[in-house]
Amino acid sequence: MTNRAALPPIRRPAPSLALGIIGTGLLAVPMLAGSAACAVSELLGWRAGLSKGFSEARGLYLIITIATAVMGAAVALMFWPL
């Protein structure tokens, strides 16, 4: 078996490229929201850390929720690409 037979060329790269870009955006939004929330919580002197529960770090989780909603809406409405 040659390499060409083992790995046939992709005939339509556009759908797989689009799925890759969408998947990357879905991974990036929560990571950006989490890192921004930790930074803001530390800056304001709040209890921060994903190991803490909602009752202990309410501000952190509210920032994560708001940032995820805003960034998700921006990506869905195509205000800016990730």
PDB file of N, CA and C in Angstrom:
ATOM      1  N   MET A   1       0.838  -1.169   0.000  1.00  0.00           N
ATOM      2  CA  MET A   1       0.000   0.000   0.000  1.00  0.00           C
ATOM      3  C   MET A   1       0.889   1.241   0.000  1.00  0.00           C
ATOM      4  N   THR A   2       0.627   2.115  -0.909  1.00  0.00           N
ATOM      5  CA  THR A   2       1.417   3.346  -0.984  1.00  0.00           C
ATOM      6  C   THR A   2       0.788   4.420  -0.103  1.00  0.00           C
ATOM      7  N   ASN A   3       1.516   5.485   0.078  1.00  0.00           N
ATOM      8  CA  ASN A   3       1.005   6.587   0.895  1.00  0.00           C
ATOM      9  C   ASN A   3      -0.234   7.212   0.279  1.00  0.00           C
ATOM     10  N   ARG A   4      -0.289   7.261  -1.023  1.00  0.00           N
ATOM     11  CA  ARG A   4      -1.456   7.868  -1.682  1.00  0.00           C
ATOM     12  C   ARG A   4      -2.723   7.065  -1.444  1.00  0.00           C
ATOM     13  N   ALA A   5      -2.597   5.764  -1.388  1.00  0.00           N
ATOM     14  CA  ALA A   5      -3.768   4.929  -1.147  1.00  0.00           C
ATOM     15  C   ALA A   5      -4.196   5.017   0.318  1.00  0.00           C
ATOM     16  N   ALA A   6      -3.238   5.180   1.215  1.00  0.00           N
ATOM     17  CA  ALA A   6      -3.566   5.238   2.643  1.00  0.00           C
ATOM     18  C   ALA A   6      -4.236   6.552   3.025  1.00  0.00           C
ATOM     19  N   LEU A   7      -3.817   7.639   2.407  1.00  0.00           N
ATOM     20  CA  LEU A   7      -4.363   8.956   2.713  1.00  0.00           C
ATOM     21  C   LEU A   7      -4.902   9.616   1.443  1.00  0.00           C
ATOM     22  N   PRO A   8      -6.139   9.320   1.090  1.00  0.00           N
ATOM     23  CA  PRO A   8      -6.701   9.947  -0.111  1.00  0.00           C
ATOM     24  C   PRO A   8      -6.885  11.443   0.108  1.00  0.00           C
ATOM     25  N   PRO A   9      -6.828  12.221  -0.944  1.00  0.00           N
ATOM     26  CA  PRO A   9      -6.981  13.681  -0.781  1.00  0.00           C
ATOM     27  C   PRO A   9      -8.399  14.046  -0.353  1.00  0.00           C
ATOM     28  N   ILE A  10      -8.494  15.124   0.395  1.00  0.00           N
ATOM     29  CA  ILE A  10      -9.809  15.626   0.792  1.00  0.00           C
ATOM     30  C   ILE A  10     -10.418  16.328  -0.418  1.00  0.00           C
ATOM     31  N   ARG A  11     -11.580  15.906  -0.799  1.00  0.00           N
ATOM     32  CA  ARG A  11     -12.189  16.447  -2.014  1.00  0.00           C
ATOM     33  C   ARG A  11     -12.853  17.799  -1.766  1.00  0.00           C
ATOM     34  N   ARG A  12     -13.397  17.978  -0.602  1.00  0.00           N
ATOM     35  CA  ARG A  12     -14.067  19.246  -0.279  1.00  0.00           C
ATOM     36  C   ARG A  12     -13.513  19.784   1.032  1.00  0.00           C
ATOM     37  N   PRO A  13     -12.490  20.609   0.966  1.00  0.00           N
ATOM     38  CA  PRO A  13     -11.881  21.093   2.210  1.00  0.00           C
ATOM     39  C   PRO A  13     -12.694  22.172   2.925  1.00  0.00           C
ATOM     40  N   ALA A  14     -13.617  22.830   2.246  1.00  0.00           N
ATOM     41  CA  ALA A  14     -14.340  23.945   2.859  1.00  0.00           C
ATOM     42  C   ALA A  14     -15.164  23.535   4.077  1.00  0.00           C
ATOM     43  N   PRO A  15     -15.961  22.446   4.039  1.00  0.00           N
ATOM     44  CA  PRO A  15     -16.729  22.089   5.247  1.00  0.00           C
ATOM     45  C   PRO A  15     -15.835  21.712   6.423  1.00  0.00           C
ATOM     46  N   SER A  16     -14.757  20.982   6.163  1.00  0.00           N
ATOM     47  CA  SER A  16     -13.891  20.599   7.273  1.00  0.00           C
ATOM     48  C   SER A  16     -13.154  21.817   7.826  1.00  0.00           C
ATOM     49  N   LEU A  17     -12.803  22.759   6.981  1.00  0.00           N
ATOM     50  CA  LEU A  17     -12.164  23.983   7.444  1.00  0.00           C
ATOM     51  C   LEU A  17     -13.141  24.804   8.291  1.00  0.00           C
ATOM     52  N   ALA A  18     -14.380  24.895   7.842  1.00  0.00           N
ATOM     53  CA  ALA A  18     -15.388  25.641   8.604  1.00  0.00           C
ATOM     54  C   ALA A  18     -15.642  24.989   9.960  1.00  0.00           C
ATOM     55  N   LEU A  19     -15.719  23.665  10.000  1.00  0.00           N
ATOM     56  CA  LEU A  19     -15.920  22.973  11.272  1.00  0.00           C
ATOM     57  C   LEU A  19     -14.730  23.183  12.202  1.00  0.00           C
ATOM     58  N   GLY A  20     -13.536  23.228  11.663  1.00  0.00           N
ATOM     59  CA  GLY A  20     -12.354  23.489  12.476  1.00  0.00           C
ATOM     60  C   GLY A  20     -12.355  24.883  13.064  1.00  0.00           C
ATOM     61  N   ILE A  21     -12.747  25.854  12.272  1.00  0.00           N
ATOM     62  CA  ILE A  21     -12.802  27.238  12.766  1.00  0.00           C
ATOM     63  C   ILE A  21     -13.884  27.389  13.824  1.00  0.00           C
ATOM     64  N   ILE A  22     -15.039  26.788  13.595  1.00  0.00           N
ATOM     65  CA  ILE A  22     -16.122  26.854  14.585  1.00  0.00           C
ATOM     66  C   ILE A  22     -15.713  26.148  15.874  1.00  0.00           C
ATOM     67  N   GLY A  23     -15.085  24.992  15.758  1.00  0.00           N
ATOM     68  CA  GLY A  23     -14.626  24.267  16.936  1.00  0.00           C
ATOM     69  C   GLY A  23     -13.593  25.046  17.729  1.00  0.00           C
ATOM     70  N   THR A  24     -12.695  25.712  17.030  1.00  0.00           N
ATOM     71  CA  THR A  24     -11.692  26.533  17.708  1.00  0.00           C
ATOM     72  C   THR A  24     -12.358  27.693  18.448  1.00  0.00           C
ATOM     73  N   GLY A  25     -13.344  28.312  17.844  1.00  0.00           N
ATOM     74  CA  GLY A  25     -14.072  29.391  18.505  1.00  0.00           C
ATOM     75  C   GLY A  25     -14.812  28.914  19.732  1.00  0.00           C
ATOM     76  N   LEU A  26     -15.400  27.707  19.653  1.00  0.00           N
ATOM     77  CA  LEU A  26     -16.105  27.161  20.809  1.00  0.00           C
ATOM     78  C   LEU A  26     -15.154  26.840  21.959  1.00  0.00           C
ATOM     79  N   LEU A  27     -13.920  26.515  21.640  1.00  0.00           N
ATOM     80  CA  LEU A  27     -12.925  26.284  22.691  1.00  0.00           C
ATOM     81  C   LEU A  27     -12.362  27.591  23.234  1.00  0.00           C
ATOM     82  N   ALA A  28     -12.238  28.592  22.384  1.00  0.00           N
ATOM     83  CA  ALA A  28     -11.595  29.842  22.786  1.00  0.00           C
ATOM     84  C   ALA A  28     -12.487  30.695  23.687  1.00  0.00           C
ATOM     85  N   VAL A  29     -13.770  30.708  23.452  1.00  0.00           N
ATOM     86  CA  VAL A  29     -14.664  31.583  24.219  1.00  0.00           C
ATOM     87  C   VAL A  29     -14.622  31.292  25.721  1.00  0.00           C
ATOM     88  N   PRO A  30     -14.783  30.022  26.163  1.00  0.00           N
ATOM     89  CA  PRO A  30     -14.722  29.795  27.612  1.00  0.00           C
ATOM     90  C   PRO A  30     -13.339  30.034  28.205  1.00  0.00           C
ATOM     91  N   MET A  31     -12.289  29.772  27.432  1.00  0.00           N
ATOM     92  CA  MET A  31     -10.934  30.006  27.939  1.00  0.00           C
ATOM     93  C   MET A  31     -10.687  31.497  28.131  1.00  0.00           C
ATOM     94  N   LEU A  32     -11.096  32.300  27.185  1.00  0.00           N
ATOM     95  CA  LEU A  32     -10.938  33.749  27.326  1.00  0.00           C
ATOM     96  C   LEU A  32     -11.786  34.291  28.465  1.00  0.00           C
ATOM     97  N   ALA A  33     -12.991  33.777  28.607  1.00  0.00           N
ATOM     98  CA  ALA A  33     -13.863  34.233  29.688  1.00  0.00           C
ATOM     99  C   ALA A  33     -13.293  33.854  31.048  1.00  0.00           C
ATOM    100  N   GLY A  34     -12.792  32.650  31.175  1.00  0.00           N
ATOM    101  CA  GLY A  34     -12.226  32.205  32.441  1.00  0.00           C
ATOM    102  C   GLY A  34     -10.979  32.975  32.830  1.00  0.00           C
ATOM    103  N   SER A  35     -10.098  33.195  31.867  1.00  0.00           N
ATOM    104  CA  SER A  35      -8.870  33.929  32.186  1.00  0.00           C
ATOM    105  C   SER A  35      -9.173  35.397  32.501  1.00  0.00           C
ATOM    106  N   ALA A  36     -10.110  35.994  31.787  1.00  0.00           N
ATOM    107  CA  ALA A  36     -10.491  37.379  32.078  1.00  0.00           C
ATOM    108  C   ALA A  36     -11.141  37.481  33.455  1.00  0.00           C
ATOM    109  N   ALA A  37     -11.974  36.522  33.807  1.00  0.00           N
ATOM    110  CA  ALA A  37     -12.633  36.542  35.103  1.00  0.00           C
ATOM    111  C   ALA A  37     -11.627  36.389  36.240  1.00  0.00           C
ATOM    112  N   CYS A  38     -10.659  35.513  36.072  1.00  0.00           N
ATOM    113  CA  CYS A  38      -9.627  35.357  37.108  1.00  0.00           C
ATOM    114  C   CYS A  38      -8.816  36.635  37.257  1.00  0.00           C
ATOM    115  N   ALA A  39      -8.471  37.274  36.140  1.00  0.00           N
ATOM    116  CA  ALA A  39      -7.693  38.514  36.202  1.00  0.00           C
ATOM    117  C   ALA A  39      -8.473  39.634  36.882  1.00  0.00           C
ATOM    118  N   VAL A  40      -9.734  39.796  36.542  1.00  0.00           N
ATOM    119  CA  VAL A  40     -10.548  40.849  37.152  1.00  0.00           C
ATOM    120  C   VAL A  40     -10.762  40.561  38.640  1.00  0.00           C
ATOM    121  N   SER A  41     -11.001  39.307  38.991  1.00  0.00           N
ATOM    122  CA  SER A  41     -11.198  38.947  40.391  1.00  0.00           C
ATOM    123  C   SER A  41      -9.955  39.225  41.221  1.00  0.00           C
ATOM    124  N   GLU A  42      -8.803  38.889  40.687  1.00  0.00           N
ATOM    125  CA  GLU A  42      -7.552  39.172  41.399  1.00  0.00           C
ATOM    126  C   GLU A  42      -7.331  40.675  41.522  1.00  0.00           C
ATOM    127  N   LEU A  43      -7.634  41.407  40.474  1.00  0.00           N
ATOM    128  CA  LEU A  43      -7.449  42.858  40.476  1.00  0.00           C
ATOM    129  C   LEU A  43      -8.326  43.524  41.534  1.00  0.00           C
ATOM    130  N   LEU A  44      -9.544  43.045  41.674  1.00  0.00           N
ATOM    131  CA  LEU A  44     -10.478  43.629  42.622  1.00  0.00           C
ATOM    132  C   LEU A  44     -10.341  43.047  44.028  1.00  0.00           C
ATOM    133  N   GLY A  45      -9.472  42.069  44.199  1.00  0.00           N
ATOM    134  CA  GLY A  45      -9.253  41.477  45.506  1.00  0.00           C
ATOM    135  C   GLY A  45     -10.332  40.500  45.936  1.00  0.00           C
ATOM    136  N   TRP A  46     -11.096  39.979  44.982  1.00  0.00           N
ATOM    137  CA  TRP A  46     -12.142  39.017  45.293  1.00  0.00           C
ATOM    138  C   TRP A  46     -11.523  37.638  45.444  1.00  0.00           C
ATOM    139  N   ARG A  47     -12.269  36.748  46.063  1.00  0.00           N
ATOM    140  CA  ARG A  47     -11.844  35.348  46.111  1.00  0.00           C
ATOM    141  C   ARG A  47     -11.942  34.792  44.701  1.00  0.00           C
ATOM    142  N   ALA A  48     -10.857  34.240  44.237  1.00  0.00           N
ATOM    143  CA  ALA A  48     -10.847  33.732  42.866  1.00  0.00           C
ATOM    144  C   ALA A  48     -10.353  32.301  42.859  1.00  0.00           C
ATOM    145  N   GLY A  49     -10.812  31.554  41.910  1.00  0.00           N
ATOM    146  CA  GLY A  49     -10.365  30.187  41.726  1.00  0.00           C
ATOM    147  C   GLY A  49     -11.523  29.299  41.334  1.00  0.00           C
ATOM    148  N   LEU A  50     -11.317  28.512  40.310  1.00  0.00           N
ATOM    149  CA  LEU A  50     -12.375  27.622  39.854  1.00  0.00           C
ATOM    150  C   LEU A  50     -12.596  26.465  40.811  1.00  0.00           C
ATOM    151  N   SER A  51     -11.683  26.272  41.762  1.00  0.00           N
ATOM    152  CA  SER A  51     -11.866  25.217  42.752  1.00  0.00           C
ATOM    153  C   SER A  51     -12.848  25.630  43.844  1.00  0.00           C
ATOM    154  N   LYS A  52     -13.146  26.911  43.929  1.00  0.00           N
ATOM    155  CA  LYS A  52     -14.099  27.407  44.925  1.00  0.00           C
ATOM    156  C   LYS A  52     -15.519  27.294  44.363  1.00  0.00           C
ATOM    157  N   GLY A  53     -16.456  27.124  45.238  1.00  0.00           N
ATOM    158  CA  GLY A  53     -17.858  27.026  44.834  1.00  0.00           C
ATOM    159  C   GLY A  53     -18.440  28.388  44.486  1.00  0.00           C
ATOM    160  N   PHE A  54     -19.675  28.370  43.972  1.00  0.00           N
ATOM    161  CA  PHE A  54     -20.325  29.616  43.575  1.00  0.00           C
ATOM    162  C   PHE A  54     -20.535  30.538  44.767  1.00  0.00           C
ATOM    163  N   SER A  55     -20.874  29.980  45.912  1.00  0.00           N
ATOM    164  CA  SER A  55     -21.120  30.829  47.081  1.00  0.00           C
ATOM    165  C   SER A  55     -19.847  31.492  47.594  1.00  0.00           C
ATOM    166  N   GLU A  56     -18.687  30.877  47.347  1.00  0.00           N
ATOM    167  CA  GLU A  56     -17.415  31.446  47.799  1.00  0.00           C
ATOM    168  C   GLU A  56     -16.833  32.451  46.814  1.00  0.00           C
ATOM    169  N   ALA A  57     -17.065  32.229  45.529  1.00  0.00           N
ATOM    170  CA  ALA A  57     -16.476  33.092  44.502  1.00  0.00           C
ATOM    171  C   ALA A  57     -17.550  33.535  43.524  1.00  0.00           C
ATOM    172  N   ARG A  58     -18.578  34.165  44.054  1.00  0.00           N
ATOM    173  CA  ARG A  58     -19.732  34.566  43.245  1.00  0.00           C
ATOM    174  C   ARG A  58     -19.336  35.531  42.119  1.00  0.00           C
ATOM    175  N   GLY A  59     -18.481  36.506  42.424  1.00  0.00           N
ATOM    176  CA  GLY A  59     -18.063  37.479  41.414  1.00  0.00           C
ATOM    177  C   GLY A  59     -17.339  36.837  40.245  1.00  0.00           C
ATOM    178  N   LEU A  60     -16.479  35.872  40.539  1.00  0.00           N
ATOM    179  CA  LEU A  60     -15.739  35.167  39.483  1.00  0.00           C
ATOM    180  C   LEU A  60     -16.700  34.480  38.525  1.00  0.00           C
ATOM    181  N   TYR A  61     -17.645  33.748  39.071  1.00  0.00           N
ATOM    182  CA  TYR A  61     -18.578  33.009  38.216  1.00  0.00           C
ATOM    183  C   TYR A  61     -19.539  33.932  37.469  1.00  0.00           C
ATOM    184  N   LEU A  62     -19.899  35.045  38.062  1.00  0.00           N
ATOM    185  CA  LEU A  62     -20.740  36.003  37.342  1.00  0.00           C
ATOM    186  C   LEU A  62     -19.982  36.633  36.171  1.00  0.00           C
ATOM    187  N   ILE A  63     -18.704  36.937  36.386  1.00  0.00           N
ATOM    188  CA  ILE A  63     -17.895  37.485  35.281  1.00  0.00           C
ATOM    189  C   ILE A  63     -17.754  36.457  34.173  1.00  0.00           C
ATOM    190  N   ILE A  64     -17.524  35.202  34.525  1.00  0.00           N
ATOM    191  CA  ILE A  64     -17.412  34.144  33.504  1.00  0.00           C
ATOM    192  C   ILE A  64     -18.708  34.035  32.712  1.00  0.00           C
ATOM    193  N   THR A  65     -19.839  34.067  33.406  1.00  0.00           N
ATOM    194  CA  THR A  65     -21.135  33.949  32.733  1.00  0.00           C
ATOM    195  C   THR A  65     -21.380  35.127  31.794  1.00  0.00           C
ATOM    196  N   ILE A  66     -21.140  36.328  32.279  1.00  0.00           N
ATOM    197  CA  ILE A  66     -21.370  37.519  31.455  1.00  0.00           C
ATOM    198  C   ILE A  66     -20.415  37.557  30.267  1.00  0.00           C
ATOM    199  N   ALA A  67     -19.135  37.271  30.501  1.00  0.00           N
ATOM    200  CA  ALA A  67     -18.154  37.303  29.412  1.00  0.00           C
ATOM    201  C   ALA A  67     -18.449  36.241  28.362  1.00  0.00           C
ATOM    202  N   THR A  68     -18.855  35.046  28.797  1.00  0.00           N
ATOM    203  CA  THR A  68     -19.199  33.990  27.840  1.00  0.00           C
ATOM    204  C   THR A  68     -20.408  34.387  27.009  1.00  0.00           C
ATOM    205  N   ALA A  69     -21.406  34.972  27.634  1.00  0.00           N
ATOM    206  CA  ALA A  69     -22.602  35.396  26.901  1.00  0.00           C
ATOM    207  C   ALA A  69     -22.272  36.495  25.899  1.00  0.00           C
ATOM    208  N   VAL A  70     -21.484  37.478  26.318  1.00  0.00           N
ATOM    209  CA  VAL A  70     -21.130  38.585  25.414  1.00  0.00           C
ATOM    210  C   VAL A  70     -20.284  38.084  24.247  1.00  0.00           C
ATOM    211  N   MET A  71     -19.261  37.286  24.541  1.00  0.00           N
ATOM    212  CA  MET A  71     -18.404  36.790  23.458  1.00  0.00           C
ATOM    213  C   MET A  71     -19.140  35.810  22.556  1.00  0.00           C
ATOM    214  N   GLY A  72     -19.991  34.976  23.140  1.00  0.00           N
ATOM    215  CA  GLY A  72     -20.774  34.052  22.324  1.00  0.00           C
ATOM    216  C   GLY A  72     -21.726  34.786  21.397  1.00  0.00           C
ATOM    217  N   ALA A  73     -22.365  35.833  21.905  1.00  0.00           N
ATOM    218  CA  ALA A  73     -23.259  36.633  21.064  1.00  0.00           C
ATOM    219  C   ALA A  73     -22.478  37.352  19.968  1.00  0.00           C
ATOM    220  N   ALA A  74     -21.295  37.853  20.316  1.00  0.00           N
ATOM    221  CA  ALA A  74     -20.483  38.545  19.318  1.00  0.00           C
ATOM    222  C   ALA A  74     -20.046  37.612  18.205  1.00  0.00           C
ATOM    223  N   VAL A  75     -19.669  36.389  18.562  1.00  0.00           N
ATOM    224  CA  VAL A  75     -19.261  35.426  17.545  1.00  0.00           C
ATOM    225  C   VAL A  75     -20.478  34.996  16.724  1.00  0.00           C
ATOM    226  N   ALA A  76     -21.614  34.763  17.386  1.00  0.00           N
ATOM    227  CA  ALA A  76     -22.816  34.343  16.673  1.00  0.00           C
ATOM    228  C   ALA A  76     -23.315  35.420  15.714  1.00  0.00           C
ATOM    229  N   LEU A  77     -23.186  36.677  16.123  1.00  0.00           N
ATOM    230  CA  LEU A  77     -23.638  37.777  15.281  1.00  0.00           C
ATOM    231  C   LEU A  77     -22.536  38.309  14.359  1.00  0.00           C
ATOM    232  N   MET A  78     -21.359  37.684  14.444  1.00  0.00           N
ATOM    233  CA  MET A  78     -20.214  38.005  13.583  1.00  0.00           C
ATOM    234  C   MET A  78     -19.737  39.432  13.722  1.00  0.00           C
ATOM    235  N   PHE A  79     -19.696  39.951  14.955  1.00  0.00           N
ATOM    236  CA  PHE A  79     -19.117  41.283  15.172  1.00  0.00           C
ATOM    237  C   PHE A  79     -17.610  41.232  14.971  1.00  0.00           C
ATOM    238  N   TRP A  80     -16.978  40.183  15.455  1.00  0.00           N
ATOM    239  CA  TRP A  80     -15.545  40.000  15.245  1.00  0.00           C
ATOM    240  C   TRP A  80     -15.233  38.512  15.274  1.00  0.00           C
ATOM    241  N   PRO A  81     -14.286  38.081  14.466  1.00  0.00           N
ATOM    242  CA  PRO A  81     -13.924  36.662  14.471  1.00  0.00           C
ATOM    243  C   PRO A  81     -12.935  36.356  15.588  1.00  0.00           C
ATOM    244  N   LEU A  82     -12.987  35.154  16.102  1.00  0.00           N
ATOM    245  CA  LEU A  82     -11.998  34.706  17.085  1.00  0.00           C
ATOM    246  C   LEU A  82     -10.808  34.115  16.375  1.00  0.00           C
TER     247      LEU A  82
END
